[in-house]
Amino acid sequence: MKQKKTEHGKLKIIPLGGLEQIGMNITAFEYGDSIIVVDCGLSFPEDDMLGIDLVIPDITYLREHADKVKGFFITHGHEDHIGAIPYVLKELNVPIYATKLTIGIIDNRLREHNMLSIVKRKVVKYGQHINLGNFRVEFIKTNHSIQDAAALAIYSPAGIVVHTGDFKVDYTPVFGDAIDLARLGEIGKKGVLALMCDSTNAERPGFTMTERSVGRTFDNIFSEHRNSRIIIATFASNVDRVQQIINFACKYGRKVVVEGRSMVNIISTATELGYLDIPAHTLIDVEQLKDYPDEQTVLITTGSQGESMAALSRMASGMHKKITIKPKDTIIFSSNPIPGNEKAVSNVINELFRKGADVICQDTHVSGHACQEDIKLIYSLVRPKYAIPVHGEYRHLMAQAKIAEELGYNKENIFILSSGDVLELDENGADLTGHVQTGNVMVDGLGVGDVGNIVLRDRQHLAEEGIIIVVLTLQAGSGQVLAGPDIVSRGFVYVRGSESLMDEAKQVLYDTMEQMMDKNITDWTRIKMEIKESLGEFVWKETKRRPMIIPIIMEV
């Protein structure tokens, strides 16, 4: 028995994603023969991930220890925390525990993948404790830019870990109660081993503004633009924002149209579950817009991040089938650009201005993440032995580490982890003891993980330099050239304007094949290699380009 305690005496915290980036949040907690997982998110592809739709975490470690994995605990319903669930649970079918709205949104995702009847889901209330293996997990009320967000108190034999999830401190939320600071304080008094705190806004001084402050801005905009149609782009998941827009639409006698698939899905789920209060006859279908004057309508739409296929982007480019931007329209961007999206957002705004619309971006958004003073408040209440900043790029994690130092924490008790690090801790100490496999699994269409770095490198090569295909027919046995070589190129040069270059390239290939036949070389691999080398050398000398060269040999 003593040996077992030594073997399993420490808690392992293993982030499998979500560090060094905003997105793809997933963390494993392991004690003895039990693993629980917090969140299971996706991220969106980088610019160099050509053709990739989504990126999900590599769960090799969980797959290798599948017999230990007891369940997933989800803090809230944003894509960077739930988006990978359908993909991961195809390999690890364990229960999911989350609050009511979060489960409602997860159900939508599972329904799209025909997995609703396969996956066990459990709706958890705030204050409820779930016992799984060596763990007990408590859900604690927090505020965020989506309803029903939760922090988690994770009880293990090694001690208590508090994971804030994404949070802000909002004393006057639009819906529901304020963050349960009292409970966080009570847990802090019990003695908390580690705090894993949201770092997204750790660089920003002060407090995060309440969501109601956006309402005051909206009230002014609705009041000042009584004679124009109002179009508001925001995050589909920001149910409180949508509620405020609907409230002001009713106040100023306007009908509301919801546009964008994700927006329609979330609003219908939130309404069914009682998180949105929409008065009767307020919502109208997009087809009914023509029945009302512009000054009596409001459109709530997706596309605040400049996504090319989102509703607002299609309106801006004139590609939307049902809605056309008019010169008198007032368009509100009720979000801040996520880092990396600034150019796309700017392009959409410019297009809207070109169409004569009035675009408003100022004071129409507040963050859902805690700023420095809110983070200090949580540390003061929870009083952890160890600080583990999470959720953010490296600079955000470092900014929170600096806050912890200002609060008196020793550097030795602050851990900036990387995805894959194994942190083992208990009351007597904490150490990085290893590293597990992590990384990006790319989703392209229906393919999950079948596109890797080599395929991406080929796509990059094709995109930058183009392709040349060489086709020739050889006689079986003798290896004599019966037809070709013919050259087909795409993305290399415009053939009609480069006949002489193509003729010279063909001559190079004729000469190469003559040399092959003179030496009685009939091995296809050798012939293909010689074609690639000779043609590649010629093309580089003439154009300073290196297109992909693919020889195709047929034998008759």
Protein backbone atom coordinates (compact mmCIF):
# COMPACT_ATOMS: atom_id res chain seq x y z
CA MET A 1 0.00 0.00 0.00
CA LYS A 2 2.87 2.32 0.84
CA GLN A 3 4.43 1.68 -2.56
CA LYS A 4 1.16 2.57 -4.30
CA LYS A 5 1.03 5.94 -2.48
CA THR A 6 4.61 6.71 -3.62
CA GLU A 7 3.74 5.73 -7.19
CA HIS A 8 0.52 7.72 -7.38
CA GLY A 9 1.13 10.43 -4.79
CA LYS A 10 1.34 13.35 -7.21
CA LEU A 11 -1.18 14.99 -9.50
CA LYS A 12 -0.16 15.32 -13.15
CA ILE A 13 -1.36 18.35 -15.14
CA ILE A 14 -0.80 17.87 -18.87
CA PRO A 15 -1.95 20.64 -21.27
CA LEU A 16 -2.48 19.00 -24.68
CA GLY A 17 -3.27 22.32 -26.41
CA GLY A 18 -4.29 25.91 -25.76
CA LEU A 19 -0.92 27.25 -24.65
CA GLU A 20 1.14 29.50 -26.97
CA GLN A 21 -2.13 30.32 -28.77
CA ILE A 22 -5.74 31.43 -28.36
CA GLY A 23 -7.64 28.29 -29.24
CA MET A 24 -7.56 24.46 -29.10
CA ASN A 25 -7.87 24.34 -25.31
CA ILE A 26 -7.59 20.86 -23.78
CA THR A 27 -5.93 19.83 -20.51
CA ALA A 28 -5.60 16.39 -18.91
CA PHE A 29 -5.49 15.87 -15.13
CA GLU A 30 -4.10 12.51 -14.04
CA TYR A 31 -3.91 10.91 -10.62
CA GLY A 32 -3.21 7.18 -10.29
CA ASP A 33 -5.49 5.25 -12.62
CA SER A 34 -7.79 8.21 -13.38
CA ILE A 35 -7.64 10.92 -16.06
CA ILE A 36 -10.20 13.69 -16.49
CA VAL A 37 -10.04 16.21 -19.33
CA VAL A 38 -11.01 19.88 -19.17
CA ASP A 39 -12.29 21.35 -22.47
CA CYS A 40 -11.82 20.00 -25.98
CA GLY A 41 -11.48 22.88 -28.42
CA LEU A 42 -10.37 23.54 -31.98
CA SER A 43 -8.42 26.34 -33.60
CA PHE A 44 -8.73 27.84 -37.04
CA PRO A 45 -6.03 27.33 -39.69
CA GLU A 46 -3.02 29.61 -40.09
CA ASP A 47 -2.45 31.30 -43.44
CA ASP A 48 0.09 28.66 -44.46
CA MET A 49 -2.34 25.77 -43.84
CA LEU A 50 -3.65 25.82 -47.39
CA GLY A 51 -7.10 24.27 -47.82
CA ILE A 52 -7.40 23.24 -44.15
CA ASP A 53 -10.81 23.80 -42.54
CA LEU A 54 -10.10 23.23 -38.84
CA VAL A 55 -7.26 22.23 -36.53
CA ILE A 56 -7.88 19.88 -33.60
CA PRO A 57 -5.50 18.66 -30.87
CA ASP A 58 -3.40 15.52 -31.09
CA ILE A 59 -4.83 13.21 -28.39
CA THR A 60 -2.21 10.45 -28.73
CA TYR A 61 -1.59 10.54 -24.97
CA LEU A 62 -5.30 10.11 -24.16
CA ARG A 63 -5.63 7.35 -26.75
CA GLU A 64 -2.66 5.48 -25.25
CA HIS A 65 -4.25 5.75 -21.77
CA ALA A 66 -7.88 5.36 -22.88
CA ASP A 67 -8.64 2.93 -20.04
CA LYS A 68 -7.87 5.72 -17.53
CA VAL A 69 -9.95 8.49 -19.15
CA LYS A 70 -13.14 8.95 -17.12
CA GLY A 71 -14.80 12.00 -18.70
CA PHE A 72 -14.63 15.50 -20.20
CA PHE A 73 -15.55 18.63 -18.23
CA ILE A 74 -16.39 21.64 -20.41
CA THR A 75 -16.15 25.19 -19.02
CA HIS A 76 -18.29 26.96 -21.67
CA GLY A 77 -19.65 26.72 -25.21
CA HIS A 78 -17.09 28.55 -27.36
CA GLU A 79 -15.56 26.73 -30.34
CA ASP A 80 -12.04 26.94 -28.88
CA HIS A 81 -13.35 24.87 -25.95
CA ILE A 82 -15.92 22.50 -27.54
CA GLY A 83 -15.17 22.40 -31.29
CA ALA A 84 -13.07 19.22 -31.29
CA ILE A 85 -15.54 17.15 -29.24
CA PRO A 86 -17.15 15.32 -32.21
CA TYR A 87 -13.73 14.34 -33.59
CA VAL A 88 -12.15 13.34 -30.26
CA LEU A 89 -15.16 11.41 -28.97
CA LYS A 90 -15.13 9.20 -32.05
CA GLU A 91 -11.94 7.78 -30.52
CA LEU A 92 -12.69 8.21 -26.80
CA ASN A 93 -16.36 7.68 -26.03
CA VAL A 94 -16.59 8.90 -22.44
CA PRO A 95 -19.23 11.13 -20.77
CA ILE A 96 -19.30 14.93 -21.11
CA TYR A 97 -20.19 17.13 -18.13
CA ALA A 98 -21.19 20.78 -18.64
CA THR A 99 -23.82 23.39 -17.80
CA LYS A 100 -27.19 23.57 -19.54
CA LEU A 101 -26.50 25.97 -22.42
CA THR A 102 -23.04 24.48 -23.04
CA ILE A 103 -24.58 21.01 -23.41
CA GLY A 104 -27.23 22.50 -25.72
CA ILE A 105 -24.55 23.88 -28.04
CA ILE A 106 -22.54 20.63 -27.86
CA ASP A 107 -25.71 18.74 -28.83
CA ASN A 108 -25.88 20.82 -32.03
CA ARG A 109 -22.31 19.78 -32.90
CA LEU A 110 -22.95 16.10 -32.13
CA ARG A 111 -26.17 16.16 -34.16
CA GLU A 112 -24.22 17.41 -37.20
CA HIS A 113 -21.92 14.37 -36.84
CA ASN A 114 -24.77 11.89 -36.16
CA MET A 115 -23.32 11.20 -32.69
CA LEU A 116 -26.16 12.41 -30.46
CA SER A 117 -27.30 8.89 -29.53
CA ILE A 118 -23.74 7.62 -28.98
CA VAL A 119 -22.27 10.19 -26.57
CA LYS A 120 -23.42 10.41 -22.95
CA ARG A 121 -23.99 14.01 -21.80
CA LYS A 122 -24.74 15.19 -18.29
CA VAL A 123 -26.11 18.66 -17.47
CA VAL A 124 -24.44 19.99 -14.31
CA LYS A 125 -25.72 22.80 -12.06
CA TYR A 126 -23.51 25.31 -10.29
CA GLY A 127 -22.41 23.97 -6.93
CA GLN A 128 -22.87 20.38 -8.05
CA HIS A 129 -20.00 17.91 -7.51
CA ILE A 130 -19.19 15.08 -9.94
CA ASN A 131 -17.18 12.10 -8.67
CA LEU A 132 -15.07 10.32 -11.30
CA GLY A 133 -12.29 7.92 -10.31
CA ASN A 134 -9.81 9.73 -8.05
CA PHE A 135 -11.36 13.13 -8.82
CA ARG A 136 -14.26 15.22 -7.63
CA VAL A 137 -15.15 18.25 -9.78
CA GLU A 138 -17.28 21.23 -8.71
CA PHE A 139 -18.80 23.74 -11.14
CA ILE A 140 -18.61 27.40 -10.02
CA LYS A 141 -20.55 30.28 -11.61
CA THR A 142 -18.47 32.77 -13.63
CA ASN A 143 -19.20 35.46 -16.22
CA HIS A 144 -17.98 35.45 -19.82
CA SER A 145 -19.12 36.58 -23.27
CA ILE A 146 -21.34 33.49 -23.43
CA GLN A 147 -23.90 32.37 -20.87
CA ASP A 148 -23.40 29.47 -18.46
CA ALA A 149 -19.61 29.74 -18.19
CA ALA A 150 -18.06 27.88 -15.28
CA ALA A 151 -14.86 27.65 -13.31
CA LEU A 152 -13.92 24.21 -12.03
CA ALA A 153 -12.64 23.21 -8.61
CA ILE A 154 -10.85 19.91 -9.19
CA TYR A 155 -10.41 17.92 -5.97
CA SER A 156 -7.74 15.21 -5.98
CA PRO A 157 -5.87 13.35 -3.21
CA ALA A 158 -2.89 15.63 -3.95
CA GLY A 159 -4.92 18.83 -3.41
CA ILE A 160 -7.39 21.22 -5.04
CA VAL A 161 -6.80 22.83 -8.44
CA VAL A 162 -9.01 25.75 -9.49
CA HIS A 163 -9.38 26.19 -13.27
CA THR A 164 -11.11 29.50 -14.07
CA GLY A 165 -12.02 28.69 -17.68
CA ASP A 166 -12.51 31.89 -19.69
CA PHE A 167 -13.95 34.48 -17.35
CA LYS A 168 -14.52 38.10 -16.42
CA VAL A 169 -15.88 39.67 -13.26
CA ASP A 170 -19.25 41.22 -14.14
CA TYR A 171 -21.25 42.47 -11.15
CA THR A 172 -24.21 43.48 -13.36
CA PRO A 173 -24.58 40.77 -16.04
CA VAL A 174 -27.41 41.03 -18.56
CA PHE A 175 -28.70 37.56 -17.67
CA GLY A 176 -28.28 35.48 -14.54
CA ASP A 177 -26.04 36.01 -11.54
CA ALA A 178 -22.65 37.59 -11.07
CA ILE A 179 -19.54 35.43 -10.70
CA ASP A 180 -19.62 33.44 -7.44
CA LEU A 181 -16.71 35.18 -5.73
CA ALA A 182 -17.92 33.95 -2.33
CA ARG A 183 -17.50 30.29 -3.33
CA LEU A 184 -14.04 30.96 -4.78
CA GLY A 185 -13.12 32.55 -1.45
CA GLU A 186 -14.45 29.57 0.52
CA ILE A 187 -12.39 27.16 -1.59
CA GLY A 188 -9.38 29.42 -1.12
CA LYS A 189 -9.73 29.07 2.66
CA LYS A 190 -9.58 25.27 2.34
CA GLY A 191 -6.14 25.57 0.76
CA VAL A 192 -5.72 25.49 -3.02
CA LEU A 193 -2.78 23.65 -4.54
CA ALA A 194 -2.79 25.46 -7.91
CA LEU A 195 -4.71 28.12 -9.84
CA MET A 196 -5.00 27.84 -13.62
CA CYS A 197 -6.19 31.30 -14.60
CA ASP A 198 -7.29 32.83 -17.93
CA SER A 199 -4.46 35.04 -19.30
CA THR A 200 -6.06 36.50 -22.46
CA ASN A 201 -6.30 40.07 -21.11
CA ALA A 202 -3.41 39.87 -18.63
CA GLU A 203 -1.61 42.68 -20.48
CA ARG A 204 -4.54 45.07 -20.02
CA PRO A 205 -4.59 47.20 -16.85
CA GLY A 206 -7.74 47.90 -14.83
CA PHE A 207 -11.06 46.07 -14.76
CA THR A 208 -13.08 44.58 -17.61
CA MET A 209 -16.20 46.63 -18.38
CA THR A 210 -19.63 45.15 -17.72
CA GLU A 211 -21.64 43.85 -20.68
CA ARG A 212 -24.36 46.41 -19.83
CA SER A 213 -22.03 49.25 -20.89
CA VAL A 214 -22.45 48.08 -24.50
CA GLY A 215 -26.20 48.42 -24.01
CA ARG A 216 -25.84 52.14 -23.29
CA THR A 217 -23.90 52.58 -26.56
CA PHE A 218 -26.55 50.62 -28.48
CA ASP A 219 -29.31 52.76 -26.98
CA ASN A 220 -27.59 55.92 -28.27
CA ILE A 221 -27.02 54.41 -31.74
CA PHE A 222 -30.64 53.27 -32.07
CA SER A 223 -31.81 56.70 -30.91
CA GLU A 224 -29.58 58.62 -33.36
CA HIS A 225 -30.25 56.39 -36.40
CA ARG A 226 -34.05 56.20 -36.39
CA ASN A 227 -34.24 56.70 -40.19
CA SER A 228 -31.93 53.93 -41.36
CA ARG A 229 -31.74 50.16 -41.30
CA ILE A 230 -29.36 48.88 -38.62
CA ILE A 231 -27.12 45.85 -39.22
CA ILE A 232 -25.13 44.51 -36.26
CA ALA A 233 -22.32 41.98 -36.65
CA THR A 234 -21.25 40.14 -33.51
CA PHE A 235 -20.12 36.73 -32.29
CA ALA A 236 -22.90 34.18 -32.63
CA SER A 237 -22.21 32.88 -29.13
CA ASN A 238 -22.63 36.24 -27.37
CA VAL A 239 -26.18 35.59 -26.21
CA ASP A 240 -26.21 38.57 -23.82
CA ARG A 241 -25.26 40.90 -26.69
CA VAL A 242 -28.05 39.45 -28.83
CA GLN A 243 -30.50 39.91 -25.93
CA GLN A 244 -29.58 43.59 -25.63
CA ILE A 245 -29.98 44.14 -29.38
CA ILE A 246 -33.43 42.54 -29.26
CA ASN A 247 -34.38 44.68 -26.24
CA PHE A 248 -33.49 47.91 -28.06
CA ALA A 249 -35.13 46.74 -31.28
CA CYS A 250 -38.39 46.33 -29.31
CA LYS A 251 -37.89 49.68 -27.56
CA TYR A 252 -37.53 51.49 -30.89
CA GLY A 253 -40.24 49.51 -32.73
CA ARG A 254 -38.04 47.46 -35.04
CA LYS A 255 -38.38 43.90 -36.33
CA VAL A 256 -35.33 41.62 -36.07
CA VAL A 257 -33.83 39.38 -38.76
CA VAL A 258 -31.16 36.83 -37.79
CA GLU A 259 -28.72 35.94 -40.58
CA GLY A 260 -25.86 33.42 -40.59
CA ARG A 261 -26.11 29.69 -39.85
CA SER A 262 -24.18 29.72 -36.56
CA MET A 263 -26.18 32.74 -35.33
CA VAL A 264 -29.50 31.05 -36.14
CA ASN A 265 -28.40 27.81 -34.41
CA ILE A 266 -27.22 29.47 -31.19
CA ILE A 267 -30.25 31.80 -30.93
CA SER A 268 -32.68 28.91 -31.41
CA THR A 269 -30.82 26.79 -28.81
CA ALA A 270 -30.60 29.67 -26.30
CA THR A 271 -34.30 30.51 -26.77
CA GLU A 272 -35.40 26.89 -26.32
CA LEU A 273 -33.38 26.60 -23.10
CA GLY A 274 -34.64 29.91 -21.68
CA TYR A 275 -31.46 32.00 -22.00
CA LEU A 276 -33.00 34.44 -24.49
CA ASP A 277 -36.29 36.28 -24.04
CA ILE A 278 -37.63 37.27 -27.44
CA PRO A 279 -41.09 38.91 -27.41
CA ALA A 280 -43.65 37.45 -29.81
CA HIS A 281 -43.66 38.81 -33.39
CA THR A 282 -40.22 40.42 -32.95
CA LEU A 283 -38.29 37.98 -35.18
CA ILE A 284 -39.12 37.93 -38.88
CA ASP A 285 -37.73 35.83 -41.71
CA VAL A 286 -35.28 37.42 -44.15
CA GLU A 287 -37.92 36.97 -46.88
CA GLN A 288 -40.21 39.36 -44.97
CA LEU A 289 -37.71 42.25 -45.00
CA LYS A 290 -39.33 43.69 -48.10
CA ASP A 291 -42.63 44.03 -46.20
CA TYR A 292 -41.15 46.57 -43.72
CA PRO A 293 -39.53 49.98 -44.20
CA ASP A 294 -35.75 50.01 -43.55
CA GLU A 295 -36.13 52.18 -40.45
CA GLN A 296 -38.24 49.45 -38.83
CA THR A 297 -35.71 46.61 -39.17
CA VAL A 298 -32.54 45.36 -37.46
CA LEU A 299 -30.32 42.59 -38.80
CA ILE A 300 -28.17 40.53 -36.41
CA THR A 301 -25.50 38.78 -38.45
CA THR A 302 -22.28 36.80 -38.36
CA GLY A 303 -19.11 38.06 -40.01
CA SER A 304 -17.65 40.44 -37.42
CA GLN A 305 -14.23 38.83 -37.99
CA GLY A 306 -14.22 39.36 -41.75
CA GLU A 307 -14.72 35.65 -42.51
CA SER A 308 -15.07 35.36 -46.29
CA MET A 309 -18.13 33.09 -46.22
CA ALA A 310 -19.94 34.77 -43.31
CA ALA A 311 -23.15 36.69 -43.96
CA LEU A 312 -21.77 40.25 -43.57
CA SER A 313 -18.79 39.57 -45.86
CA ARG A 314 -21.14 38.28 -48.54
CA MET A 315 -23.31 41.39 -48.13
CA ALA A 316 -20.24 43.64 -48.42
CA SER A 317 -19.06 41.92 -51.60
CA GLY A 318 -22.54 41.91 -53.14
CA MET A 319 -22.67 38.08 -53.09
CA HIS A 320 -25.53 37.71 -50.60
CA LYS A 321 -28.63 36.39 -52.34
CA LYS A 322 -31.24 38.13 -50.16
CA ILE A 323 -29.68 41.25 -48.59
CA THR A 324 -28.14 44.20 -50.42
CA ILE A 325 -26.25 46.94 -48.59
CA LYS A 326 -27.91 50.33 -49.14
CA PRO A 327 -26.32 53.81 -48.89
CA LYS A 328 -28.28 54.77 -45.75
CA ASP A 329 -27.55 51.56 -43.79
CA THR A 330 -25.93 51.82 -40.35
CA ILE A 331 -23.59 48.89 -39.73
CA ILE A 332 -22.17 48.14 -36.27
CA PHE A 333 -19.16 45.89 -35.64
CA SER A 334 -19.85 44.67 -32.11
CA SER A 335 -16.55 42.84 -31.59
CA ASN A 336 -12.81 43.41 -31.67
CA PRO A 337 -10.77 41.70 -34.39
CA ILE A 338 -9.12 38.51 -33.14
CA PRO A 339 -5.32 38.80 -33.70
CA GLY A 340 -4.63 37.87 -37.31
CA ASN A 341 -8.08 38.93 -38.57
CA GLU A 342 -7.41 42.67 -38.69
CA LYS A 343 -6.79 42.79 -42.46
CA ALA A 344 -9.92 40.79 -43.29
CA VAL A 345 -12.07 43.00 -41.04
CA SER A 346 -10.55 46.14 -42.56
CA ASN A 347 -11.36 44.90 -46.08
CA VAL A 348 -15.02 44.29 -45.18
CA ILE A 349 -15.30 47.75 -43.56
CA ASN A 350 -13.83 49.40 -46.68
CA GLU A 351 -16.29 47.55 -48.92
CA LEU A 352 -19.21 48.68 -46.74
CA PHE A 353 -18.06 52.30 -46.88
CA ARG A 354 -17.77 52.02 -50.69
CA LYS A 355 -21.44 51.04 -50.79
CA GLY A 356 -22.30 54.22 -48.88
CA ALA A 357 -23.04 52.64 -45.49
CA ASP A 358 -22.24 54.27 -42.15
CA VAL A 359 -19.94 51.91 -40.20
CA ILE A 360 -19.57 52.15 -36.41
CA CYS A 361 -16.81 50.27 -34.55
CA GLN A 362 -16.19 52.37 -31.41
CA ASP A 363 -17.48 51.44 -27.92
CA THR A 364 -19.67 48.65 -29.30
CA HIS A 365 -17.86 45.78 -27.64
CA VAL A 366 -16.48 44.75 -24.26
CA SER A 367 -14.22 41.79 -23.68
CA GLY A 368 -15.29 38.56 -22.04
CA HIS A 369 -11.90 38.13 -20.38
CA ALA A 370 -10.50 39.40 -17.09
CA CYS A 371 -8.09 42.35 -17.07
CA GLN A 372 -5.26 42.73 -14.53
CA GLU A 373 -7.30 43.91 -11.53
CA ASP A 374 -9.85 41.09 -11.99
CA ILE A 375 -7.01 38.54 -12.17
CA LYS A 376 -5.54 39.98 -8.95
CA LEU A 377 -8.96 39.61 -7.28
CA ILE A 378 -9.14 35.91 -8.18
CA TYR A 379 -5.60 35.27 -6.89
CA SER A 380 -6.46 37.09 -3.65
CA LEU A 381 -9.56 34.94 -3.12
CA VAL A 382 -8.16 31.56 -4.18
CA ARG A 383 -4.65 32.03 -2.67
CA PRO A 384 -3.04 29.10 -4.53
CA LYS A 385 0.32 27.58 -3.65
CA TYR A 386 1.26 27.40 -7.36
CA ALA A 387 0.30 29.71 -10.23
CA ILE A 388 -0.19 28.18 -13.69
CA PRO A 389 -1.26 30.82 -16.25
CA VAL A 390 -3.32 29.31 -19.11
CA HIS A 391 -5.29 30.35 -22.20
CA GLY A 392 -3.10 32.68 -24.20
CA GLU A 393 -0.05 33.28 -26.29
CA TYR A 394 3.32 33.21 -24.51
CA ARG A 395 3.25 36.99 -23.94
CA HIS A 396 -0.13 36.69 -22.20
CA LEU A 397 1.10 33.89 -19.95
CA MET A 398 4.18 35.95 -19.07
CA ALA A 399 1.99 38.99 -18.29
CA GLN A 400 0.01 36.92 -15.79
CA ALA A 401 3.22 35.51 -14.30
CA LYS A 402 4.32 39.11 -13.71
CA ILE A 403 0.98 39.84 -11.93
CA ALA A 404 1.54 36.80 -9.69
CA GLU A 405 5.05 38.05 -8.85
CA GLU A 406 3.63 41.48 -7.93
CA LEU A 407 1.26 39.66 -5.57
CA GLY A 408 4.22 38.08 -3.78
CA TYR A 409 4.53 34.70 -5.49
CA ASN A 410 8.05 33.29 -5.89
CA LYS A 411 9.17 32.56 -9.43
CA GLU A 412 9.73 28.92 -8.40
CA ASN A 413 5.99 28.58 -7.73
CA ILE A 414 4.91 30.04 -11.09
CA PHE A 415 4.86 27.62 -14.03
CA ILE A 416 4.69 28.78 -17.64
CA LEU A 417 3.87 25.52 -19.38
CA SER A 418 4.03 24.55 -23.05
CA SER A 419 1.56 22.17 -24.67
CA GLY A 420 2.72 18.64 -23.88
CA ASP A 421 4.56 19.46 -20.64
CA VAL A 422 3.89 17.14 -17.71
CA LEU A 423 3.71 19.03 -14.40
CA GLU A 424 3.67 16.79 -11.31
CA LEU A 425 2.69 18.48 -8.07
CA ASP A 426 1.55 18.02 -4.50
CA GLU A 427 1.87 20.00 -1.26
CA ASN A 428 5.59 19.18 -1.05
CA GLY A 429 6.65 20.44 -4.46
CA ALA A 430 6.01 20.78 -8.19
CA ASP A 431 8.29 19.75 -11.06
CA LEU A 432 8.24 19.42 -14.82
CA THR A 433 8.88 15.70 -15.22
CA GLY A 434 8.44 15.02 -18.91
CA HIS A 435 6.78 15.81 -22.20
CA VAL A 436 4.07 13.97 -24.15
CA GLN A 437 3.21 14.07 -27.84
CA THR A 438 1.05 17.03 -28.86
CA GLY A 439 0.47 18.92 -32.07
CA ASN A 440 -2.02 19.88 -34.75
CA VAL A 441 -4.33 17.40 -36.41
CA MET A 442 -5.70 19.03 -39.54
CA VAL A 443 -9.27 18.58 -40.75
CA ASP A 444 -9.78 18.98 -44.50
CA GLY A 445 -13.32 18.21 -45.62
CA LEU A 446 -14.13 14.73 -44.31
CA GLY A 447 -10.47 13.87 -43.82
CA VAL A 448 -9.14 14.05 -40.25
CA GLY A 449 -5.35 13.86 -39.93
CA ASP A 450 -4.74 12.68 -43.49
CA VAL A 451 -3.19 16.02 -44.42
CA GLY A 452 0.16 16.53 -42.71
CA ASN A 453 3.23 18.71 -43.12
CA ILE A 454 4.39 16.92 -46.30
CA VAL A 455 1.05 17.46 -48.05
CA LEU A 456 0.99 21.10 -46.91
CA ARG A 457 4.52 21.56 -48.20
CA ASP A 458 3.42 20.18 -51.59
CA ARG A 459 0.41 22.53 -51.60
CA GLN A 460 2.70 25.44 -50.79
CA HIS A 461 5.06 24.40 -53.59
CA LEU A 462 2.18 24.10 -56.07
CA ALA A 463 0.76 27.46 -54.99
CA GLU A 464 4.08 29.30 -55.27
CA GLU A 465 5.72 27.66 -58.30
CA GLY A 466 3.08 25.69 -60.23
CA ILE A 467 3.34 22.24 -61.79
CA ILE A 468 4.75 20.68 -64.98
CA ILE A 469 3.54 17.21 -66.02
CA VAL A 470 5.64 15.29 -68.54
CA VAL A 471 3.81 12.46 -70.35
CA LEU A 472 5.57 9.88 -72.55
CA THR A 473 4.86 6.38 -73.89
CA LEU A 474 7.57 3.71 -74.01
CA GLN A 475 7.62 0.42 -75.90
CA ALA A 476 7.58 -2.57 -73.56
CA GLY A 477 10.93 -4.33 -73.42
CA SER A 478 12.98 -2.04 -75.66
CA GLY A 479 12.19 1.20 -73.83
CA GLN A 480 11.89 3.09 -77.15
CA VAL A 481 9.87 6.32 -77.02
CA LEU A 482 6.65 5.77 -78.99
CA ALA A 483 4.87 9.03 -78.11
CA GLY A 484 5.81 12.27 -76.38
CA PRO A 485 7.28 13.61 -74.33
CA ASP A 486 4.33 16.01 -74.01
CA ILE A 487 4.34 18.84 -71.50
CA VAL A 488 1.30 20.07 -69.56
CA SER A 489 1.76 22.97 -67.14
CA ARG A 490 -0.50 24.72 -64.64
CA GLY A 491 0.41 27.76 -62.57
CA PHE A 492 3.90 27.92 -64.10
CA VAL A 493 3.72 30.08 -67.23
CA TYR A 494 0.92 31.02 -69.59
CA VAL A 495 1.63 28.50 -72.36
CA ARG A 496 0.29 30.55 -75.29
CA GLY A 497 2.70 33.35 -74.49
CA SER A 498 5.65 31.02 -73.94
CA GLU A 499 5.70 28.69 -76.96
CA SER A 500 9.46 29.03 -77.46
CA LEU A 501 10.17 28.15 -73.81
CA MET A 502 7.99 25.03 -74.08
CA ASP A 503 9.63 24.02 -77.38
CA GLU A 504 13.07 24.32 -75.81
CA ALA A 505 11.88 22.33 -72.79
CA LYS A 506 10.66 19.56 -75.11
CA GLN A 507 14.04 19.53 -76.85
CA VAL A 508 15.75 19.10 -73.47
CA LEU A 509 13.50 16.11 -72.81
CA TYR A 510 14.18 14.61 -76.29
CA ASP A 511 17.93 14.89 -75.63
CA THR A 512 17.55 13.32 -72.18
CA MET A 513 15.56 10.37 -73.54
CA GLU A 514 18.09 9.83 -76.34
CA GLN A 515 20.85 9.61 -73.74
CA MET A 516 18.79 7.10 -71.76
CA MET A 517 18.25 4.90 -74.83
CA ASP A 518 21.92 5.11 -75.85
CA LYS A 519 22.84 3.77 -72.42
CA ASN A 520 20.05 1.11 -72.59
CA ILE A 521 18.49 2.48 -69.40
CA THR A 522 14.92 1.14 -69.08
CA ASP A 523 14.41 1.48 -65.31
CA TRP A 524 11.41 3.79 -64.84
CA THR A 525 12.65 5.21 -61.56
CA ARG A 526 15.96 6.23 -63.16
CA ILE A 527 14.21 7.69 -66.22
CA LYS A 528 11.84 9.77 -64.03
CA MET A 529 14.76 11.05 -61.95
CA GLU A 530 16.72 12.09 -65.07
CA ILE A 531 13.64 13.86 -66.52
CA LYS A 532 13.12 15.77 -63.27
CA GLU A 533 16.77 16.78 -63.01
CA SER A 534 17.30 17.84 -66.62
CA LEU A 535 13.98 19.70 -66.98
CA GLY A 536 14.29 21.24 -63.50
CA GLU A 537 17.79 22.53 -64.30
CA PHE A 538 16.62 24.00 -67.63
CA VAL A 539 13.53 25.69 -66.12
CA TRP A 540 15.57 27.21 -63.27
CA LYS A 541 18.17 28.56 -65.70
CA GLU A 542 15.50 30.12 -67.95
CA THR A 543 12.95 31.36 -65.39
CA LYS A 544 14.52 31.14 -61.88
CA ARG A 545 11.47 29.11 -60.84
CA ARG A 546 11.21 25.61 -59.40
CA PRO A 547 7.81 24.16 -60.37
CA MET A 548 6.83 20.67 -59.22
CA ILE A 549 7.74 18.26 -62.05
CA ILE A 550 5.78 15.01 -62.34
CA PRO A 551 6.80 12.54 -65.09
CA ILE A 552 4.09 10.06 -66.15
CA ILE A 553 5.30 7.03 -68.15
CA MET A 554 2.98 4.64 -69.98
CA GLU A 555 4.10 1.34 -71.51
CA VAL A 556 2.60 -0.43 -74.54
